[in-house]
Amino acid sequence: MNDLPRTGFSVKPTLVGQKVLLRPFLLDEDAPALRSILQDPEVGRLTGSDHGPADPEPWDEAAEERMRAWYGSRHEQPDRLDLAVVDRVTGACVGETVLNQWDSGNHSCNFRIALAEAGQDRGLGTEAVRLIVGYGFERLGLHRISLGVFAFNPRARRAYEKAGFVVEGVRRDALLYDGAWVDDIVMSILAPEWERHHGHPEAAE
């Protein structure tokens, strides 16, 4: 068992890996990347926040204010952890990673991640997943971390599997996108699994 001291969601840490670091948002620095993620139709499709090519709306002053209000308040949240994903090569924010939907009674929460194009296809996402999941188990005392990934996003599913998430079920026809129904694949990782392989399941086989 790990012997790291336990903390809570009110603490917003900086987690350092080889390729990325996760840290609280610095709104002025991070706004360009966050804006690009929120405006990216592909991100909207993969996360299910858009339901078809006609859905994205022009970015206007109100959208900018909503973005700044949301990310500017993430450090105040006592029941979730939102951190910027920073590329250590460039020092730039390339996305966000989140532990939310905390169920204190069952020691569980949901996980999600979103990366801008600049943060994709270089292993940054997999390392970011390992960093925040490890923090969730070792410092927050979680027992279960779960997520949903749509069937048309096999790249994300592979990244989650590399970090130790396993498929436990399918929510059939959970999303209607551009006139077609898409399954939502439910994945999870448990504390005993993390303790066994620390996000590297292939090494524990």
C-alpha atoms as a PDB file:
ATOM      1  CA  MET A   1       0.000   0.000   0.000  1.00  0.00           C
ATOM      2  CA  ASN A   2       1.250   3.529  -0.680  1.00  0.00           C
ATOM      3  CA  ASP A   3       1.973   5.644   2.371  1.00  0.00           C
ATOM      4  CA  LEU A   4       1.557   9.112   0.849  1.00  0.00           C
ATOM      5  CA  PRO A   5      -0.423  11.526   3.014  1.00  0.00           C
ATOM      6  CA  ARG A   6      -4.046  11.930   1.954  1.00  0.00           C
ATOM      7  CA  THR A   7      -5.329  15.261   0.732  1.00  0.00           C
ATOM      8  CA  GLY A   8      -8.676  16.558  -0.568  1.00  0.00           C
ATOM      9  CA  PHE A   9     -10.203  18.036  -3.701  1.00  0.00           C
ATOM     10  CA  SER A  10      -9.753  21.571  -2.362  1.00  0.00           C
ATOM     11  CA  VAL A  11      -5.991  21.159  -2.832  1.00  0.00           C
ATOM     12  CA  LYS A  12      -5.010  21.953  -6.426  1.00  0.00           C
ATOM     13  CA  PRO A  13      -1.622  20.315  -7.010  1.00  0.00           C
ATOM     14  CA  THR A  14       1.026  20.513  -9.700  1.00  0.00           C
ATOM     15  CA  LEU A  15       1.854  17.034 -11.005  1.00  0.00           C
ATOM     16  CA  VAL A  16       5.074  16.625 -12.990  1.00  0.00           C
ATOM     17  CA  GLY A  17       5.756  13.940 -15.578  1.00  0.00           C
ATOM     18  CA  GLN A  18       8.417  13.478 -18.230  1.00  0.00           C
ATOM     19  CA  LYS A  19       6.346  14.956 -21.069  1.00  0.00           C
ATOM     20  CA  VAL A  20       3.652  16.976 -19.325  1.00  0.00           C
ATOM     21  CA  LEU A  21       2.877  18.724 -16.108  1.00  0.00           C
ATOM     22  CA  LEU A  22      -0.592  19.232 -14.719  1.00  0.00           C
ATOM     23  CA  ARG A  23      -1.219  22.459 -12.838  1.00  0.00           C
ATOM     24  CA  PRO A  24      -4.009  24.863 -11.881  1.00  0.00           C
ATOM     25  CA  PHE A  25      -5.177  27.086 -14.714  1.00  0.00           C
ATOM     26  CA  LEU A  26      -3.433  30.397 -15.424  1.00  0.00           C
ATOM     27  CA  LEU A  27      -6.237  32.006 -17.359  1.00  0.00           C
ATOM     28  CA  ASP A  28      -4.318  34.592 -19.392  1.00  0.00           C
ATOM     29  CA  GLU A  29      -1.678  32.048 -20.409  1.00  0.00           C
ATOM     30  CA  ASP A  30      -4.053  29.159 -21.016  1.00  0.00           C
ATOM     31  CA  ALA A  31      -6.923  30.979 -22.719  1.00  0.00           C
ATOM     32  CA  PRO A  32      -5.711  30.436 -26.319  1.00  0.00           C
ATOM     33  CA  ALA A  33      -5.546  26.651 -25.888  1.00  0.00           C
ATOM     34  CA  LEU A  34      -8.824  26.453 -23.986  1.00  0.00           C
ATOM     35  CA  ARG A  35     -10.524  28.615 -26.590  1.00  0.00           C
ATOM     36  CA  SER A  36      -9.247  26.394 -29.396  1.00  0.00           C
ATOM     37  CA  ILE A  37     -10.538  23.267 -27.634  1.00  0.00           C
ATOM     38  CA  LEU A  38     -13.981  24.753 -27.095  1.00  0.00           C
ATOM     39  CA  GLN A  39     -14.165  25.887 -30.719  1.00  0.00           C
ATOM     40  CA  ASP A  40     -12.841  22.638 -32.238  1.00  0.00           C
ATOM     41  CA  PRO A  41     -15.687  20.707 -33.925  1.00  0.00           C
ATOM     42  CA  GLU A  42     -13.752  17.437 -33.590  1.00  0.00           C
ATOM     43  CA  VAL A  43     -13.445  17.888 -29.831  1.00  0.00           C
ATOM     44  CA  GLY A  44     -17.168  18.610 -29.706  1.00  0.00           C
ATOM     45  CA  ARG A  45     -17.885  15.428 -31.661  1.00  0.00           C
ATOM     46  CA  LEU A  46     -15.640  13.183 -29.576  1.00  0.00           C
ATOM     47  CA  THR A  47     -16.974  14.509 -26.266  1.00  0.00           C
ATOM     48  CA  GLY A  48     -20.613  14.459 -27.350  1.00  0.00           C
ATOM     49  CA  SER A  49     -21.094  18.161 -26.697  1.00  0.00           C
ATOM     50  CA  ASP A  50     -22.041  18.693 -30.356  1.00  0.00           C
ATOM     51  CA  HIS A  51     -24.648  16.635 -32.180  1.00  0.00           C
ATOM     52  CA  GLY A  52     -23.703  17.345 -35.748  1.00  0.00           C
ATOM     53  CA  PRO A  53     -21.701  19.562 -38.118  1.00  0.00           C
ATOM     54  CA  ALA A  54     -24.314  22.335 -37.965  1.00  0.00           C
ATOM     55  CA  ASP A  55     -24.135  22.706 -34.169  1.00  0.00           C
ATOM     56  CA  PRO A  56     -20.986  24.845 -33.561  1.00  0.00           C
ATOM     57  CA  GLU A  57     -21.779  28.508 -33.021  1.00  0.00           C
ATOM     58  CA  PRO A  58     -19.527  31.503 -33.709  1.00  0.00           C
ATOM     59  CA  TRP A  59     -17.276  32.480 -30.827  1.00  0.00           C
ATOM     60  CA  ASP A  60     -18.471  35.787 -29.432  1.00  0.00           C
ATOM     61  CA  GLU A  61     -17.970  37.993 -26.391  1.00  0.00           C
ATOM     62  CA  ALA A  62     -20.509  36.040 -24.346  1.00  0.00           C
ATOM     63  CA  ALA A  63     -18.733  32.761 -25.101  1.00  0.00           C
ATOM     64  CA  GLU A  64     -15.426  34.304 -24.066  1.00  0.00           C
ATOM     65  CA  GLU A  65     -16.930  35.532 -20.795  1.00  0.00           C
ATOM     66  CA  ARG A  66     -18.405  32.095 -20.054  1.00  0.00           C
ATOM     67  CA  MET A  67     -15.053  30.446 -20.684  1.00  0.00           C
ATOM     68  CA  ARG A  68     -13.183  32.856 -18.434  1.00  0.00           C
ATOM     69  CA  ALA A  69     -15.772  32.587 -15.665  1.00  0.00           C
ATOM     70  CA  TRP A  70     -15.650  28.791 -15.767  1.00  0.00           C
ATOM     71  CA  TYR A  71     -11.881  28.291 -15.828  1.00  0.00           C
ATOM     72  CA  GLY A  72     -11.284  31.208 -13.522  1.00  0.00           C
ATOM     73  CA  SER A  73     -13.340  29.485 -10.817  1.00  0.00           C
ATOM     74  CA  ARG A  74     -11.799  26.007 -11.030  1.00  0.00           C
ATOM     75  CA  HIS A  75      -9.400  26.645  -8.146  1.00  0.00           C
ATOM     76  CA  GLU A  76     -12.365  27.312  -5.829  1.00  0.00           C
ATOM     77  CA  GLN A  77     -14.105  23.949  -6.302  1.00  0.00           C
ATOM     78  CA  PRO A  78     -14.036  21.690  -3.197  1.00  0.00           C
ATOM     79  CA  ASP A  79     -15.466  18.572  -4.863  1.00  0.00           C
ATOM     80  CA  ARG A  80     -13.606  18.272  -8.166  1.00  0.00           C
ATOM     81  CA  LEU A  81     -10.133  18.686  -9.621  1.00  0.00           C
ATOM     82  CA  ASP A  82      -9.574  20.532 -12.914  1.00  0.00           C
ATOM     83  CA  LEU A  83      -5.989  20.925 -14.103  1.00  0.00           C
ATOM     84  CA  ALA A  84      -4.339  22.310 -17.215  1.00  0.00           C
ATOM     85  CA  VAL A  85      -2.205  19.918 -19.267  1.00  0.00           C
ATOM     86  CA  VAL A  86       1.081  21.636 -20.133  1.00  0.00           C
ATOM     87  CA  ASP A  87       3.559  20.409 -22.753  1.00  0.00           C
ATOM     88  CA  ARG A  88       6.943  20.481 -21.031  1.00  0.00           C
ATOM     89  CA  VAL A  89       8.766  21.004 -24.340  1.00  0.00           C
ATOM     90  CA  THR A  90       6.973  24.245 -25.190  1.00  0.00           C
ATOM     91  CA  GLY A  91       5.633  25.270 -21.783  1.00  0.00           C
ATOM     92  CA  ALA A  92       2.229  25.832 -23.350  1.00  0.00           C
ATOM     93  CA  CYS A  93      -1.148  24.585 -22.185  1.00  0.00           C
ATOM     94  CA  VAL A  94      -2.461  21.927 -24.578  1.00  0.00           C
ATOM     95  CA  GLY A  95      -5.585  20.774 -22.751  1.00  0.00           C
ATOM     96  CA  GLU A  96      -7.352  19.980 -19.526  1.00  0.00           C
ATOM     97  CA  THR A  97      -7.874  16.952 -17.321  1.00  0.00           C
ATOM     98  CA  VAL A  98     -10.639  16.573 -14.767  1.00  0.00           C
ATOM     99  CA  LEU A  99     -11.753  14.402 -11.857  1.00  0.00           C
ATOM    100  CA  ASN A 100     -15.427  15.215 -11.225  1.00  0.00           C
ATOM    101  CA  GLN A 101     -18.762  13.737 -10.159  1.00  0.00           C
ATOM    102  CA  TRP A 102     -17.213  12.790  -6.820  1.00  0.00           C
ATOM    103  CA  ASP A 103     -19.195  10.254  -4.800  1.00  0.00           C
ATOM    104  CA  SER A 104     -17.690  10.550  -1.322  1.00  0.00           C
ATOM    105  CA  GLY A 105     -19.669   7.651   0.128  1.00  0.00           C
ATOM    106  CA  ASN A 106     -18.416   5.240  -2.513  1.00  0.00           C
ATOM    107  CA  HIS A 107     -14.923   6.760  -2.911  1.00  0.00           C
ATOM    108  CA  SER A 108     -15.401   7.156  -6.654  1.00  0.00           C
ATOM    109  CA  CYS A 109     -15.405   9.798  -9.349  1.00  0.00           C
ATOM    110  CA  ASN A 110     -15.529  10.365 -13.081  1.00  0.00           C
ATOM    111  CA  PHE A 111     -12.568  11.246 -15.290  1.00  0.00           C
ATOM    112  CA  ARG A 112     -12.321  13.202 -18.513  1.00  0.00           C
ATOM    113  CA  ILE A 113      -9.604  14.792 -20.629  1.00  0.00           C
ATOM    114  CA  ALA A 114      -9.562  17.068 -23.669  1.00  0.00           C
ATOM    115  CA  LEU A 115      -6.496  17.974 -25.716  1.00  0.00           C
ATOM    116  CA  ALA A 116      -5.969  20.577 -28.388  1.00  0.00           C
ATOM    117  CA  GLU A 117      -4.440  19.435 -31.682  1.00  0.00           C
ATOM    118  CA  ALA A 118      -1.006  20.581 -30.452  1.00  0.00           C
ATOM    119  CA  GLY A 119      -1.164  18.024 -27.630  1.00  0.00           C
ATOM    120  CA  GLN A 120      -2.187  14.989 -29.660  1.00  0.00           C
ATOM    121  CA  ASP A 121      -0.292  11.957 -31.021  1.00  0.00           C
ATOM    122  CA  ARG A 122       2.806  12.354 -28.849  1.00  0.00           C
ATOM    123  CA  GLY A 123       1.902  10.390 -25.740  1.00  0.00           C
ATOM    124  CA  LEU A 124       1.034  13.498 -23.736  1.00  0.00           C
ATOM    125  CA  GLY A 125      -2.515  12.341 -23.111  1.00  0.00           C
ATOM    126  CA  THR A 126      -1.531   8.915 -21.810  1.00  0.00           C
ATOM    127  CA  GLU A 127       0.959  10.441 -19.383  1.00  0.00           C
ATOM    128  CA  ALA A 128      -1.599  13.023 -18.238  1.00  0.00           C
ATOM    129  CA  VAL A 129      -4.095  10.221 -17.571  1.00  0.00           C
ATOM    130  CA  ARG A 130      -1.540   8.318 -15.488  1.00  0.00           C
ATOM    131  CA  LEU A 131      -0.604  11.406 -13.485  1.00  0.00           C
ATOM    132  CA  ILE A 132      -4.104  12.421 -12.441  1.00  0.00           C
ATOM    133  CA  VAL A 133      -5.354   8.858 -11.926  1.00  0.00           C
ATOM    134  CA  GLY A 134      -2.370   8.129  -9.707  1.00  0.00           C
ATOM    135  CA  TYR A 135      -3.114  11.269  -7.713  1.00  0.00           C
ATOM    136  CA  GLY A 136      -6.738  10.206  -7.387  1.00  0.00           C
ATOM    137  CA  PHE A 137      -5.842   6.861  -5.876  1.00  0.00           C
ATOM    138  CA  GLU A 138      -2.722   7.746  -3.899  1.00  0.00           C
ATOM    139  CA  ARG A 139      -3.615  11.175  -2.545  1.00  0.00           C
ATOM    140  CA  LEU A 140      -7.417  11.464  -2.726  1.00  0.00           C
ATOM    141  CA  GLY A 141      -8.067   7.934  -1.487  1.00  0.00           C
ATOM    142  CA  LEU A 142     -10.397   7.005  -4.331  1.00  0.00           C
ATOM    143  CA  HIS A 143     -11.384   3.383  -4.914  1.00  0.00           C
ATOM    144  CA  ARG A 144     -12.849   3.691  -8.417  1.00  0.00           C
ATOM    145  CA  ILE A 145     -12.365   6.094 -11.328  1.00  0.00           C
ATOM    146  CA  SER A 146     -14.636   5.699 -14.345  1.00  0.00           C
ATOM    147  CA  LEU A 147     -15.170   7.306 -17.730  1.00  0.00           C
ATOM    148  CA  GLY A 148     -17.200   7.052 -20.902  1.00  0.00           C
ATOM    149  CA  VAL A 149     -15.703   7.019 -24.397  1.00  0.00           C
ATOM    150  CA  PHE A 150     -17.783   7.010 -27.553  1.00  0.00           C
ATOM    151  CA  ALA A 151     -17.349   4.125 -29.986  1.00  0.00           C
ATOM    152  CA  PHE A 152     -16.114   6.448 -32.741  1.00  0.00           C
ATOM    153  CA  ASN A 153     -13.089   7.443 -30.619  1.00  0.00           C
ATOM    154  CA  PRO A 154     -10.814   4.352 -30.640  1.00  0.00           C
ATOM    155  CA  ARG A 155      -7.693   6.475 -30.160  1.00  0.00           C
ATOM    156  CA  ALA A 156      -8.889   7.684 -26.757  1.00  0.00           C
ATOM    157  CA  ARG A 157      -9.932   4.163 -25.774  1.00  0.00           C
ATOM    158  CA  ARG A 158      -6.411   2.892 -26.533  1.00  0.00           C
ATOM    159  CA  ALA A 159      -4.896   5.661 -24.410  1.00  0.00           C
ATOM    160  CA  TYR A 160      -7.164   4.764 -21.499  1.00  0.00           C
ATOM    161  CA  GLU A 161      -6.337   1.067 -21.839  1.00  0.00           C
ATOM    162  CA  LYS A 162      -2.615   1.880 -21.815  1.00  0.00           C
ATOM    163  CA  ALA A 163      -3.168   3.597 -18.453  1.00  0.00           C
ATOM    164  CA  GLY A 164      -5.043   0.587 -17.025  1.00  0.00           C
ATOM    165  CA  PHE A 165      -8.711   1.334 -17.640  1.00  0.00           C
ATOM    166  CA  VAL A 166     -10.805  -1.707 -18.550  1.00  0.00           C
ATOM    167  CA  VAL A 167     -14.121  -1.929 -20.391  1.00  0.00           C
ATOM    168  CA  GLU A 168     -16.987  -2.867 -18.095  1.00  0.00           C
ATOM    169  CA  GLY A 169     -20.015  -2.239 -20.272  1.00  0.00           C
ATOM    170  CA  VAL A 170     -21.683  -0.359 -23.102  1.00  0.00           C
ATOM    171  CA  ARG A 171     -24.454   2.228 -22.999  1.00  0.00           C
ATOM    172  CA  ARG A 172     -26.026   1.416 -26.330  1.00  0.00           C
ATOM    173  CA  ASP A 173     -27.153   4.247 -28.639  1.00  0.00           C
ATOM    174  CA  ALA A 174     -26.272   6.835 -25.985  1.00  0.00           C
ATOM    175  CA  LEU A 175     -25.474   9.648 -28.447  1.00  0.00           C
ATOM    176  CA  LEU A 176     -27.261  10.805 -31.569  1.00  0.00           C
ATOM    177  CA  TYR A 177     -24.629  12.407 -33.808  1.00  0.00           C
ATOM    178  CA  ASP A 178     -25.423  13.662 -37.291  1.00  0.00           C
ATOM    179  CA  GLY A 179     -28.406  11.325 -37.551  1.00  0.00           C
ATOM    180  CA  ALA A 180     -26.580   8.168 -36.380  1.00  0.00           C
ATOM    181  CA  TRP A 181     -26.666   6.472 -32.976  1.00  0.00           C
ATOM    182  CA  VAL A 182     -23.343   5.929 -31.209  1.00  0.00           C
ATOM    183  CA  ASP A 183     -22.544   3.635 -28.263  1.00  0.00           C
ATOM    184  CA  ASP A 184     -20.879   4.963 -25.112  1.00  0.00           C
ATOM    185  CA  ILE A 185     -18.243   2.556 -23.781  1.00  0.00           C
ATOM    186  CA  VAL A 186     -17.973   2.584 -19.984  1.00  0.00           C
ATOM    187  CA  MET A 187     -14.458   2.018 -18.609  1.00  0.00           C
ATOM    188  CA  SER A 188     -13.046   2.059 -15.109  1.00  0.00           C
ATOM    189  CA  ILE A 189      -9.957   1.429 -13.037  1.00  0.00           C
ATOM    190  CA  LEU A 190      -9.918   0.360  -9.384  1.00  0.00           C
ATOM    191  CA  ALA A 191      -7.435   1.143  -6.618  1.00  0.00           C
ATOM    192  CA  PRO A 192      -6.152  -2.478  -6.333  1.00  0.00           C
ATOM    193  CA  GLU A 193      -5.482  -2.495 -10.078  1.00  0.00           C
ATOM    194  CA  TRP A 194      -3.584   0.777  -9.876  1.00  0.00           C
ATOM    195  CA  GLU A 195      -1.569  -0.522  -6.937  1.00  0.00           C
ATOM    196  CA  ARG A 196      -0.578  -3.551  -8.987  1.00  0.00           C
ATOM    197  CA  HIS A 197       0.582  -1.785 -12.171  1.00  0.00           C
ATOM    198  CA  HIS A 198       0.617   2.004 -11.556  1.00  0.00           C
ATOM    199  CA  GLY A 199      -0.803   2.769 -14.970  1.00  0.00           C
ATOM    200  CA  HIS A 200       1.388   0.305 -16.893  1.00  0.00           C
ATOM    201  CA  PRO A 201      -0.770  -2.843 -17.147  1.00  0.00           C
ATOM    202  CA  GLU A 202       1.389  -4.377 -19.868  1.00  0.00           C
ATOM    203  CA  ALA A 203       4.351  -4.461 -17.464  1.00  0.00           C
ATOM    204  CA  ALA A 204       2.326  -6.307 -14.823  1.00  0.00           C
ATOM    205  CA  GLU A 205       1.303  -9.160 -17.116  1.00  0.00           C
END
